[in-house]
Amino acid sequence: MTHGPLTLSVDCGGTGLKCRVLDAAGVPVTPRIRLRTPYPCPPEKLAQALHAIAAATGTRFDRVSVGMPGLLRGGVVRWTPHYVTEAGPFTPVRPDLVRLWEDMDIQALLRETFQRPTLVVNDAEMAGLAVINGSGYEVMLTLGTGLGFAHYSDGMLLPKIEVSAAPFTKGRTFDQALGHHVRKQIGDRRWTTRVRRALRTLHAVYYWDRCYLGGGGARHLTRPVEEWATLVSNEAGLIGGIRLWEDTAAWQDGRDGVRASRTVPATAGPG
């Protein structure tokens, strides 16, 4: 027996789009479905792809939660790293796509596409809502196509900071130094050493009370990182779609804050 409302939770990545339908308790009512991210990817093409992946669930849903890479405020894209490229992450940037995505109200576009209430935030922000405990200063980092970042104070989502675009080493950004593409080039062991260095660097800047590390790349770590971060399931990116609706007034008022509660259990361990 499922408990409504049912939420279509979507995790938009640089290389793949994932979704599943969850009940009000965060229990999946469909398998996870994944499609490759289409490129070139103007906003309308992303909307079409998300409509297709939603239809593939074969299940009705009452509302939609979407996490996507980049800097978003109030459902409006200020900057996004991958969908402005010709053929995917770290390929040449197309100026026409930059113009199409800048100040794009993707939340309004997807609300029209799905004909359902829809909320859109940064993907790391949505993942973090699934795992934080709601007290102190907490940071969520995700390892994927690049590095995702979100931070919270006593459970309240703080304004987005694009750590992925910051310089890391030898002229490379955190995205360029830690993404899947470089891991495949240098191997998991060297990449893990680089991740640990990045965590030390970020801790010196943010001095968090708790840090959570997730995303699809976390399973490739060859050494523990417990002194810097707690590993969490890659499913957090989807489960956070439930928590996104737990303070709908904040979104209706146009604020950037969402307060997390503890109604959806976090799943430990990378996956």
C-alpha atoms as a PDB file:
ATOM      1  CA  MET A   1       0.000   0.000   0.000  1.00  0.00           C
ATOM      2  CA  THR A   2       1.386   3.405  -0.976  1.00  0.00           C
ATOM      3  CA  HIS A   3       0.872   6.604   0.951  1.00  0.00           C
ATOM      4  CA  GLY A   4       0.345   9.824  -0.990  1.00  0.00           C
ATOM      5  CA  PRO A   5       1.132  12.282  -2.248  1.00  0.00           C
ATOM      6  CA  LEU A   6       3.389  10.548  -4.759  1.00  0.00           C
ATOM      7  CA  THR A   7       6.500  12.460  -5.819  1.00  0.00           C
ATOM      8  CA  LEU A   8       8.406  12.065  -9.063  1.00  0.00           C
ATOM      9  CA  SER A   9      11.978  12.684  -7.901  1.00  0.00           C
ATOM     10  CA  VAL A  10      14.503  13.463 -10.640  1.00  0.00           C
ATOM     11  CA  ASP A  11      18.287  13.723 -10.396  1.00  0.00           C
ATOM     12  CA  CYS A  12      19.686  15.497 -13.466  1.00  0.00           C
ATOM     13  CA  GLY A  13      23.380  14.819 -13.989  1.00  0.00           C
ATOM     14  CA  GLY A  14      25.884  15.870 -16.562  1.00  0.00           C
ATOM     15  CA  THR A  15      25.923  12.393 -18.104  1.00  0.00           C
ATOM     16  CA  GLY A  16      22.686  10.781 -16.916  1.00  0.00           C
ATOM     17  CA  LEU A  17      19.112  11.528 -15.858  1.00  0.00           C
ATOM     18  CA  LYS A  18      17.689   9.365 -13.048  1.00  0.00           C
ATOM     19  CA  CYS A  19      14.213   9.251 -11.570  1.00  0.00           C
ATOM     20  CA  ARG A  20      11.821   7.205  -9.492  1.00  0.00           C
ATOM     21  CA  VAL A  21       8.426   7.751  -7.880  1.00  0.00           C
ATOM     22  CA  LEU A  22       8.368   7.852  -4.059  1.00  0.00           C
ATOM     23  CA  ASP A  23       5.513   7.806  -1.588  1.00  0.00           C
ATOM     24  CA  ALA A  24       5.166  10.352   1.221  1.00  0.00           C
ATOM     25  CA  ALA A  25       7.448   8.285   3.496  1.00  0.00           C
ATOM     26  CA  GLY A  26      10.217   8.170   0.865  1.00  0.00           C
ATOM     27  CA  VAL A  27       9.517   4.539  -0.056  1.00  0.00           C
ATOM     28  CA  PRO A  28      10.076   3.846  -3.798  1.00  0.00           C
ATOM     29  CA  VAL A  29       7.001   2.735  -5.687  1.00  0.00           C
ATOM     30  CA  THR A  30       8.896   2.322  -8.982  1.00  0.00           C
ATOM     31  CA  PRO A  31      12.392   1.107  -9.905  1.00  0.00           C
ATOM     32  CA  ARG A  32      15.026   3.731 -10.618  1.00  0.00           C
ATOM     33  CA  ILE A  33      15.088   4.619 -14.304  1.00  0.00           C
ATOM     34  CA  ARG A  34      18.114   6.141 -16.008  1.00  0.00           C
ATOM     35  CA  LEU A  35      18.617   7.762 -19.404  1.00  0.00           C
ATOM     36  CA  ARG A  36      21.676   9.437 -20.872  1.00  0.00           C
ATOM     37  CA  THR A  37      21.602  13.208 -20.805  1.00  0.00           C
ATOM     38  CA  PRO A  38      20.968  14.438 -24.374  1.00  0.00           C
ATOM     39  CA  TYR A  39      23.388  16.883 -26.013  1.00  0.00           C
ATOM     40  CA  PRO A  40      23.261  19.600 -27.154  1.00  0.00           C
ATOM     41  CA  CYS A  41      20.827  20.289 -24.320  1.00  0.00           C
ATOM     42  CA  PRO A  42      18.809  23.520 -24.484  1.00  0.00           C
ATOM     43  CA  PRO A  43      16.106  23.868 -21.791  1.00  0.00           C
ATOM     44  CA  GLU A  44      13.287  22.564 -23.980  1.00  0.00           C
ATOM     45  CA  LYS A  45      15.273  19.441 -24.871  1.00  0.00           C
ATOM     46  CA  LEU A  46      15.949  18.724 -21.194  1.00  0.00           C
ATOM     47  CA  ALA A  47      12.241  19.172 -20.471  1.00  0.00           C
ATOM     48  CA  GLN A  48      11.361  16.702 -23.229  1.00  0.00           C
ATOM     49  CA  ALA A  49      13.859  14.164 -21.885  1.00  0.00           C
ATOM     50  CA  LEU A  50      12.456  14.478 -18.361  1.00  0.00           C
ATOM     51  CA  HIS A  51       8.919  14.052 -19.659  1.00  0.00           C
ATOM     52  CA  ALA A  52      10.037  10.866 -21.411  1.00  0.00           C
ATOM     53  CA  ILE A  53      11.783   9.426 -18.346  1.00  0.00           C
ATOM     54  CA  ALA A  54       8.719  10.218 -16.217  1.00  0.00           C
ATOM     55  CA  ALA A  55       6.470   8.408 -18.689  1.00  0.00           C
ATOM     56  CA  ALA A  56       8.800   5.404 -18.510  1.00  0.00           C
ATOM     57  CA  THR A  57       7.900   4.921 -14.832  1.00  0.00           C
ATOM     58  CA  GLY A  58       4.389   3.972 -15.917  1.00  0.00           C
ATOM     59  CA  THR A  59       3.086   5.439 -12.660  1.00  0.00           C
ATOM     60  CA  ARG A  60       1.007   8.481 -11.829  1.00  0.00           C
ATOM     61  CA  PHE A  61       2.475  11.110  -9.549  1.00  0.00           C
ATOM     62  CA  ASP A  62       1.155  14.201  -7.798  1.00  0.00           C
ATOM     63  CA  ARG A  63       4.183  16.482  -7.753  1.00  0.00           C
ATOM     64  CA  VAL A  64       7.739  16.748  -9.085  1.00  0.00           C
ATOM     65  CA  SER A  65      11.117  17.410  -7.432  1.00  0.00           C
ATOM     66  CA  VAL A  66      14.128  18.045  -9.649  1.00  0.00           C
ATOM     67  CA  GLY A  67      17.804  18.471  -8.741  1.00  0.00           C
ATOM     68  CA  MET A  68      20.136  19.766 -11.449  1.00  0.00           C
ATOM     69  CA  PRO A  69      23.741  20.997 -11.622  1.00  0.00           C
ATOM     70  CA  GLY A  70      24.555  24.667 -11.371  1.00  0.00           C
ATOM     71  CA  LEU A  71      23.540  27.770  -9.507  1.00  0.00           C
ATOM     72  CA  LEU A  72      19.779  28.148  -9.117  1.00  0.00           C
ATOM     73  CA  ARG A  73      17.754  30.585  -7.062  1.00  0.00           C
ATOM     74  CA  GLY A  74      13.992  30.313  -6.769  1.00  0.00           C
ATOM     75  CA  GLY A  75      13.908  27.789  -9.603  1.00  0.00           C
ATOM     76  CA  VAL A  76      15.763  30.149 -11.962  1.00  0.00           C
ATOM     77  CA  VAL A  77      19.110  29.112 -13.458  1.00  0.00           C
ATOM     78  CA  ARG A  78      21.862  31.659 -12.951  1.00  0.00           C
ATOM     79  CA  TRP A  79      24.617  29.378 -14.269  1.00  0.00           C
ATOM     80  CA  THR A  80      24.895  25.713 -15.205  1.00  0.00           C
ATOM     81  CA  PRO A  81      28.131  23.961 -16.194  1.00  0.00           C
ATOM     82  CA  HIS A  82      27.232  21.088 -18.530  1.00  0.00           C
ATOM     83  CA  TYR A  83      24.050  21.835 -20.447  1.00  0.00           C
ATOM     84  CA  VAL A  84      25.695  24.788 -22.183  1.00  0.00           C
ATOM     85  CA  THR A  85      28.248  22.545 -23.926  1.00  0.00           C
ATOM     86  CA  GLU A  86      28.230  21.106 -27.432  1.00  0.00           C
ATOM     87  CA  ALA A  87      28.539  17.419 -26.581  1.00  0.00           C
ATOM     88  CA  GLY A  88      28.586  17.023 -22.790  1.00  0.00           C
ATOM     89  CA  PRO A  89      30.768  17.872 -19.796  1.00  0.00           C
ATOM     90  CA  PHE A  90      34.104  19.561 -20.553  1.00  0.00           C
ATOM     91  CA  THR A  91      33.430  19.851 -24.290  1.00  0.00           C
ATOM     92  CA  PRO A  92      33.329  23.303 -25.939  1.00  0.00           C
ATOM     93  CA  VAL A  93      30.786  25.778 -24.560  1.00  0.00           C
ATOM     94  CA  ARG A  94      28.215  27.146 -27.026  1.00  0.00           C
ATOM     95  CA  PRO A  95      27.396  30.841 -26.535  1.00  0.00           C
ATOM     96  CA  ASP A  96      23.840  30.332 -27.807  1.00  0.00           C
ATOM     97  CA  LEU A  97      23.213  27.720 -25.099  1.00  0.00           C
ATOM     98  CA  VAL A  98      24.714  30.008 -22.452  1.00  0.00           C
ATOM     99  CA  ARG A  99      22.178  32.655 -23.459  1.00  0.00           C
ATOM    100  CA  LEU A 100      19.287  30.169 -23.417  1.00  0.00           C
ATOM    101  CA  TRP A 101      20.110  28.873 -19.932  1.00  0.00           C
ATOM    102  CA  GLU A 102      20.993  32.162 -18.256  1.00  0.00           C
ATOM    103  CA  ASP A 103      18.021  33.352 -16.161  1.00  0.00           C
ATOM    104  CA  MET A 104      15.936  30.467 -17.468  1.00  0.00           C
ATOM    105  CA  ASP A 105      12.976  29.779 -15.150  1.00  0.00           C
ATOM    106  CA  ILE A 106      13.405  26.026 -15.405  1.00  0.00           C
ATOM    107  CA  GLN A 107      10.939  25.479 -12.570  1.00  0.00           C
ATOM    108  CA  ALA A 108       8.171  27.202 -14.543  1.00  0.00           C
ATOM    109  CA  LEU A 109       9.098  25.328 -17.738  1.00  0.00           C
ATOM    110  CA  LEU A 110       8.980  21.934 -16.008  1.00  0.00           C
ATOM    111  CA  ARG A 111       5.758  22.814 -14.178  1.00  0.00           C
ATOM    112  CA  GLU A 112       4.215  23.441 -17.584  1.00  0.00           C
ATOM    113  CA  THR A 113       5.782  20.266 -19.004  1.00  0.00           C
ATOM    114  CA  PHE A 114       4.492  17.977 -16.246  1.00  0.00           C
ATOM    115  CA  GLN A 115       1.288  19.856 -15.466  1.00  0.00           C
ATOM    116  CA  ARG A 116       2.058  19.194 -11.817  1.00  0.00           C
ATOM    117  CA  PRO A 117       3.408  21.282  -8.914  1.00  0.00           C
ATOM    118  CA  THR A 118       7.178  21.309  -9.460  1.00  0.00           C
ATOM    119  CA  LEU A 119      10.227  22.408  -7.458  1.00  0.00           C
ATOM    120  CA  VAL A 120      13.758  22.644  -8.901  1.00  0.00           C
ATOM    121  CA  VAL A 121      16.966  23.122  -6.900  1.00  0.00           C
ATOM    122  CA  ASN A 122      20.644  22.305  -7.239  1.00  0.00           C
ATOM    123  CA  ASP A 123      21.225  18.535  -7.206  1.00  0.00           C
ATOM    124  CA  ALA A 124      23.591  18.562  -4.200  1.00  0.00           C
ATOM    125  CA  GLU A 125      21.083  20.694  -2.286  1.00  0.00           C
ATOM    126  CA  MET A 126      18.364  18.111  -2.856  1.00  0.00           C
ATOM    127  CA  ALA A 127      20.665  15.232  -1.883  1.00  0.00           C
ATOM    128  CA  GLY A 128      21.710  16.958   1.321  1.00  0.00           C
ATOM    129  CA  LEU A 129      18.114  17.345   2.474  1.00  0.00           C
ATOM    130  CA  ALA A 130      17.926  13.545   2.655  1.00  0.00           C
ATOM    131  CA  VAL A 131      20.855  13.090   5.038  1.00  0.00           C
ATOM    132  CA  ILE A 132      21.427  16.118   7.277  1.00  0.00           C
ATOM    133  CA  ASN A 133      20.259  15.891  10.879  1.00  0.00           C
ATOM    134  CA  GLY A 134      19.176  19.515  11.098  1.00  0.00           C
ATOM    135  CA  SER A 135      21.522  20.880  13.768  1.00  0.00           C
ATOM    136  CA  GLY A 136      24.716  22.895  13.486  1.00  0.00           C
ATOM    137  CA  TYR A 137      26.582  23.678  10.272  1.00  0.00           C
ATOM    138  CA  GLU A 138      26.385  20.802   7.786  1.00  0.00           C
ATOM    139  CA  VAL A 139      27.872  20.406   4.314  1.00  0.00           C
ATOM    140  CA  MET A 140      26.891  18.032   1.506  1.00  0.00           C
ATOM    141  CA  LEU A 141      29.451  17.166  -1.186  1.00  0.00           C
ATOM    142  CA  THR A 142      28.701  14.975  -4.199  1.00  0.00           C
ATOM    143  CA  LEU A 143      31.229  13.295  -6.494  1.00  0.00           C
ATOM    144  CA  GLY A 144      29.944  12.841 -10.014  1.00  0.00           C
ATOM    145  CA  THR A 145      30.574  14.533 -13.331  1.00  0.00           C
ATOM    146  CA  GLY A 146      32.026  17.260 -11.133  1.00  0.00           C
ATOM    147  CA  LEU A 147      31.832  18.293  -7.486  1.00  0.00           C
ATOM    148  CA  GLY A 148      28.470  19.244  -6.003  1.00  0.00           C
ATOM    149  CA  PHE A 149      28.183  21.420  -2.880  1.00  0.00           C
ATOM    150  CA  ALA A 150      25.389  22.461  -0.523  1.00  0.00           C
ATOM    151  CA  HIS A 151      25.401  23.769   3.035  1.00  0.00           C
ATOM    152  CA  TYR A 152      22.873  24.109   5.851  1.00  0.00           C
ATOM    153  CA  SER A 153      22.611  25.900   9.197  1.00  0.00           C
ATOM    154  CA  ASP A 154      20.365  24.165  11.764  1.00  0.00           C
ATOM    155  CA  GLY A 155      18.584  22.426   8.892  1.00  0.00           C
ATOM    156  CA  MET A 156      18.057  25.565   6.802  1.00  0.00           C
ATOM    157  CA  LEU A 157      19.430  25.502   3.268  1.00  0.00           C
ATOM    158  CA  LEU A 158      21.860  28.398   2.855  1.00  0.00           C
ATOM    159  CA  PRO A 159      22.341  30.430  -0.350  1.00  0.00           C
ATOM    160  CA  LYS A 160      24.135  28.469  -3.044  1.00  0.00           C
ATOM    161  CA  ILE A 161      27.926  28.713  -3.316  1.00  0.00           C
ATOM    162  CA  GLU A 162      29.455  27.290  -6.511  1.00  0.00           C
ATOM    163  CA  VAL A 163      32.520  25.589  -5.029  1.00  0.00           C
ATOM    164  CA  SER A 164      32.888  23.472  -8.173  1.00  0.00           C
ATOM    165  CA  ALA A 165      33.962  26.554 -10.147  1.00  0.00           C
ATOM    166  CA  ALA A 166      36.639  27.604  -7.631  1.00  0.00           C
ATOM    167  CA  PRO A 167      40.360  27.065  -8.438  1.00  0.00           C
ATOM    168  CA  PHE A 168      41.804  23.868  -6.943  1.00  0.00           C
ATOM    169  CA  THR A 169      45.251  23.140  -8.372  1.00  0.00           C
ATOM    170  CA  LYS A 170      47.354  23.818 -11.483  1.00  0.00           C
ATOM    171  CA  GLY A 171      44.735  26.049 -13.063  1.00  0.00           C
ATOM    172  CA  ARG A 172      41.977  23.460 -12.680  1.00  0.00           C
ATOM    173  CA  THR A 173      38.685  23.991 -10.897  1.00  0.00           C
ATOM    174  CA  PHE A 174      37.319  21.524  -8.342  1.00  0.00           C
ATOM    175  CA  ASP A 175      35.043  20.216 -11.118  1.00  0.00           C
ATOM    176  CA  GLN A 176      37.933  19.645 -13.494  1.00  0.00           C
ATOM    177  CA  ALA A 177      40.140  18.052 -10.839  1.00  0.00           C
ATOM    178  CA  LEU A 178      37.613  15.677  -9.233  1.00  0.00           C
ATOM    179  CA  GLY A 179      35.120  14.684 -11.945  1.00  0.00           C
ATOM    180  CA  HIS A 180      34.554  11.219 -13.424  1.00  0.00           C
ATOM    181  CA  HIS A 181      36.622  12.057 -16.508  1.00  0.00           C
ATOM    182  CA  VAL A 182      39.828  12.724 -14.540  1.00  0.00           C
ATOM    183  CA  ARG A 183      39.260   9.722 -12.263  1.00  0.00           C
ATOM    184  CA  LYS A 184      39.264   7.501 -15.337  1.00  0.00           C
ATOM    185  CA  GLN A 185      42.459   9.147 -16.572  1.00  0.00           C
ATOM    186  CA  ILE A 186      44.530   8.916 -13.375  1.00  0.00           C
ATOM    187  CA  GLY A 187      42.984   5.861 -11.696  1.00  0.00           C
ATOM    188  CA  ASP A 188      41.011   5.428  -8.501  1.00  0.00           C
ATOM    189  CA  ARG A 189      43.999   5.481  -6.117  1.00  0.00           C
ATOM    190  CA  ARG A 190      45.441   8.799  -7.282  1.00  0.00           C
ATOM    191  CA  TRP A 191      41.944  10.241  -7.570  1.00  0.00           C
ATOM    192  CA  THR A 192      41.144   9.199  -3.978  1.00  0.00           C
ATOM    193  CA  THR A 193      44.275  11.002  -2.772  1.00  0.00           C
ATOM    194  CA  ARG A 194      43.087  14.084  -4.641  1.00  0.00           C
ATOM    195  CA  VAL A 195      39.607  13.830  -3.074  1.00  0.00           C
ATOM    196  CA  ARG A 196      41.127  13.619   0.408  1.00  0.00           C
ATOM    197  CA  ARG A 197      43.232  16.696  -0.336  1.00  0.00           C
ATOM    198  CA  ALA A 198      40.121  18.548  -1.513  1.00  0.00           C
ATOM    199  CA  LEU A 199      38.277  17.628   1.686  1.00  0.00           C
ATOM    200  CA  ARG A 200      41.145  18.957   3.806  1.00  0.00           C
ATOM    201  CA  THR A 201      41.172  22.187   1.791  1.00  0.00           C
ATOM    202  CA  LEU A 202      37.425  22.702   2.087  1.00  0.00           C
ATOM    203  CA  HIS A 203      37.374  21.867   5.789  1.00  0.00           C
ATOM    204  CA  ALA A 204      39.960  24.590   6.405  1.00  0.00           C
ATOM    205  CA  VAL A 205      37.608  27.071   4.708  1.00  0.00           C
ATOM    206  CA  TYR A 206      34.191  25.966   6.006  1.00  0.00           C
ATOM    207  CA  TYR A 207      35.055  24.215   9.285  1.00  0.00           C
ATOM    208  CA  TRP A 208      31.803  22.254   9.260  1.00  0.00           C
ATOM    209  CA  ASP A 209      30.239  20.375  12.144  1.00  0.00           C
ATOM    210  CA  ARG A 210      29.327  17.496   9.830  1.00  0.00           C
ATOM    211  CA  CYS A 211      30.119  16.752   6.203  1.00  0.00           C
ATOM    212  CA  TYR A 212      28.409  14.141   4.028  1.00  0.00           C
ATOM    213  CA  LEU A 213      29.971  12.716   0.875  1.00  0.00           C
ATOM    214  CA  GLY A 214      27.821  11.064  -1.782  1.00  0.00           C
ATOM    215  CA  GLY A 215      27.241  10.847  -5.514  1.00  0.00           C
ATOM    216  CA  GLY A 216      28.053   8.045  -7.918  1.00  0.00           C
ATOM    217  CA  GLY A 217      31.795   8.642  -7.633  1.00  0.00           C
ATOM    218  CA  ALA A 218      31.938   7.848  -3.913  1.00  0.00           C
ATOM    219  CA  ARG A 219      31.960   4.099  -4.589  1.00  0.00           C
ATOM    220  CA  HIS A 220      35.332   4.456  -6.352  1.00  0.00           C
ATOM    221  CA  LEU A 221      37.161   5.730  -3.259  1.00  0.00           C
ATOM    222  CA  THR A 222      39.989   3.346  -2.348  1.00  0.00           C
ATOM    223  CA  ARG A 223      40.756   4.739   1.117  1.00  0.00           C
ATOM    224  CA  PRO A 224      38.520   5.820   4.013  1.00  0.00           C
ATOM    225  CA  VAL A 225      37.603   9.500   4.372  1.00  0.00           C
ATOM    226  CA  GLU A 226      35.786   9.214   7.694  1.00  0.00           C
ATOM    227  CA  GLU A 227      37.925  11.827   9.419  1.00  0.00           C
ATOM    228  CA  TRP A 228      36.581  14.390   6.955  1.00  0.00           C
ATOM    229  CA  ALA A 229      33.166  13.158   5.844  1.00  0.00           C
ATOM    230  CA  THR A 230      30.476  10.512   6.271  1.00  0.00           C
ATOM    231  CA  LEU A 231      29.715   8.480   3.164  1.00  0.00           C
ATOM    232  CA  VAL A 232      26.028   8.385   2.196  1.00  0.00           C
ATOM    233  CA  SER A 233      24.018   6.545  -0.416  1.00  0.00           C
ATOM    234  CA  ASN A 234      23.787   7.799  -3.976  1.00  0.00           C
ATOM    235  CA  GLU A 235      20.017   7.403  -3.533  1.00  0.00           C
ATOM    236  CA  ALA A 236      20.050  10.584  -1.430  1.00  0.00           C
ATOM    237  CA  GLY A 237      19.778  12.560  -4.656  1.00  0.00           C
ATOM    238  CA  LEU A 238      16.307  11.131  -5.158  1.00  0.00           C
ATOM    239  CA  ILE A 239      15.122  10.734  -1.539  1.00  0.00           C
ATOM    240  CA  GLY A 240      15.779  14.421  -0.937  1.00  0.00           C
ATOM    241  CA  GLY A 241      12.932  15.125  -3.347  1.00  0.00           C
ATOM    242  CA  ILE A 242      10.494  14.331  -0.531  1.00  0.00           C
ATOM    243  CA  ARG A 243      12.061  16.716   1.967  1.00  0.00           C
ATOM    244  CA  LEU A 244      11.986  19.466  -0.608  1.00  0.00           C
ATOM    245  CA  TRP A 245       8.233  19.734  -0.045  1.00  0.00           C
ATOM    246  CA  GLU A 246       8.347  19.841   3.751  1.00  0.00           C
ATOM    247  CA  ASP A 247       8.557  23.636   3.845  1.00  0.00           C
ATOM    248  CA  THR A 248       6.606  24.629   0.754  1.00  0.00           C
ATOM    249  CA  ALA A 249       5.804  28.041   2.237  1.00  0.00           C
ATOM    250  CA  ALA A 250       9.462  29.013   1.927  1.00  0.00           C
ATOM    251  CA  TRP A 251       9.357  28.339  -1.791  1.00  0.00           C
ATOM    252  CA  GLN A 252       5.990  29.974  -2.349  1.00  0.00           C
ATOM    253  CA  ASP A 253       7.368  33.119  -0.703  1.00  0.00           C
ATOM    254  CA  GLY A 254      10.333  33.064  -3.101  1.00  0.00           C
ATOM    255  CA  ARG A 255      12.951  32.486  -0.449  1.00  0.00           C
ATOM    256  CA  ASP A 256      15.950  30.231  -1.033  1.00  0.00           C
ATOM    257  CA  GLY A 257      15.680  28.414   2.299  1.00  0.00           C
ATOM    258  CA  VAL A 258      14.269  24.963   2.959  1.00  0.00           C
ATOM    259  CA  ARG A 259      14.240  23.493   6.425  1.00  0.00           C
ATOM    260  CA  ALA A 260      14.812  19.753   6.640  1.00  0.00           C
ATOM    261  CA  SER A 261      13.028  17.525   9.137  1.00  0.00           C
ATOM    262  CA  ARG A 262      13.609  13.899  10.031  1.00  0.00           C
ATOM    263  CA  THR A 263      10.571  12.218   8.476  1.00  0.00           C
ATOM    264  CA  VAL A 264      12.574  10.433   5.762  1.00  0.00           C
ATOM    265  CA  PRO A 265      15.336   8.082   6.947  1.00  0.00           C
ATOM    266  CA  ALA A 266      18.805   8.511   5.460  1.00  0.00           C
ATOM    267  CA  THR A 267      20.467   5.480   3.913  1.00  0.00           C
ATOM    268  CA  ALA A 268      24.079   4.945   4.946  1.00  0.00           C
ATOM    269  CA  GLY A 269      26.864   3.707   2.726  1.00  0.00           C
ATOM    270  CA  PRO A 270      27.841   4.553  -0.849  1.00  0.00           C
ATOM    271  CA  GLY A 271      25.727   3.108  -3.604  1.00  0.00           C
END
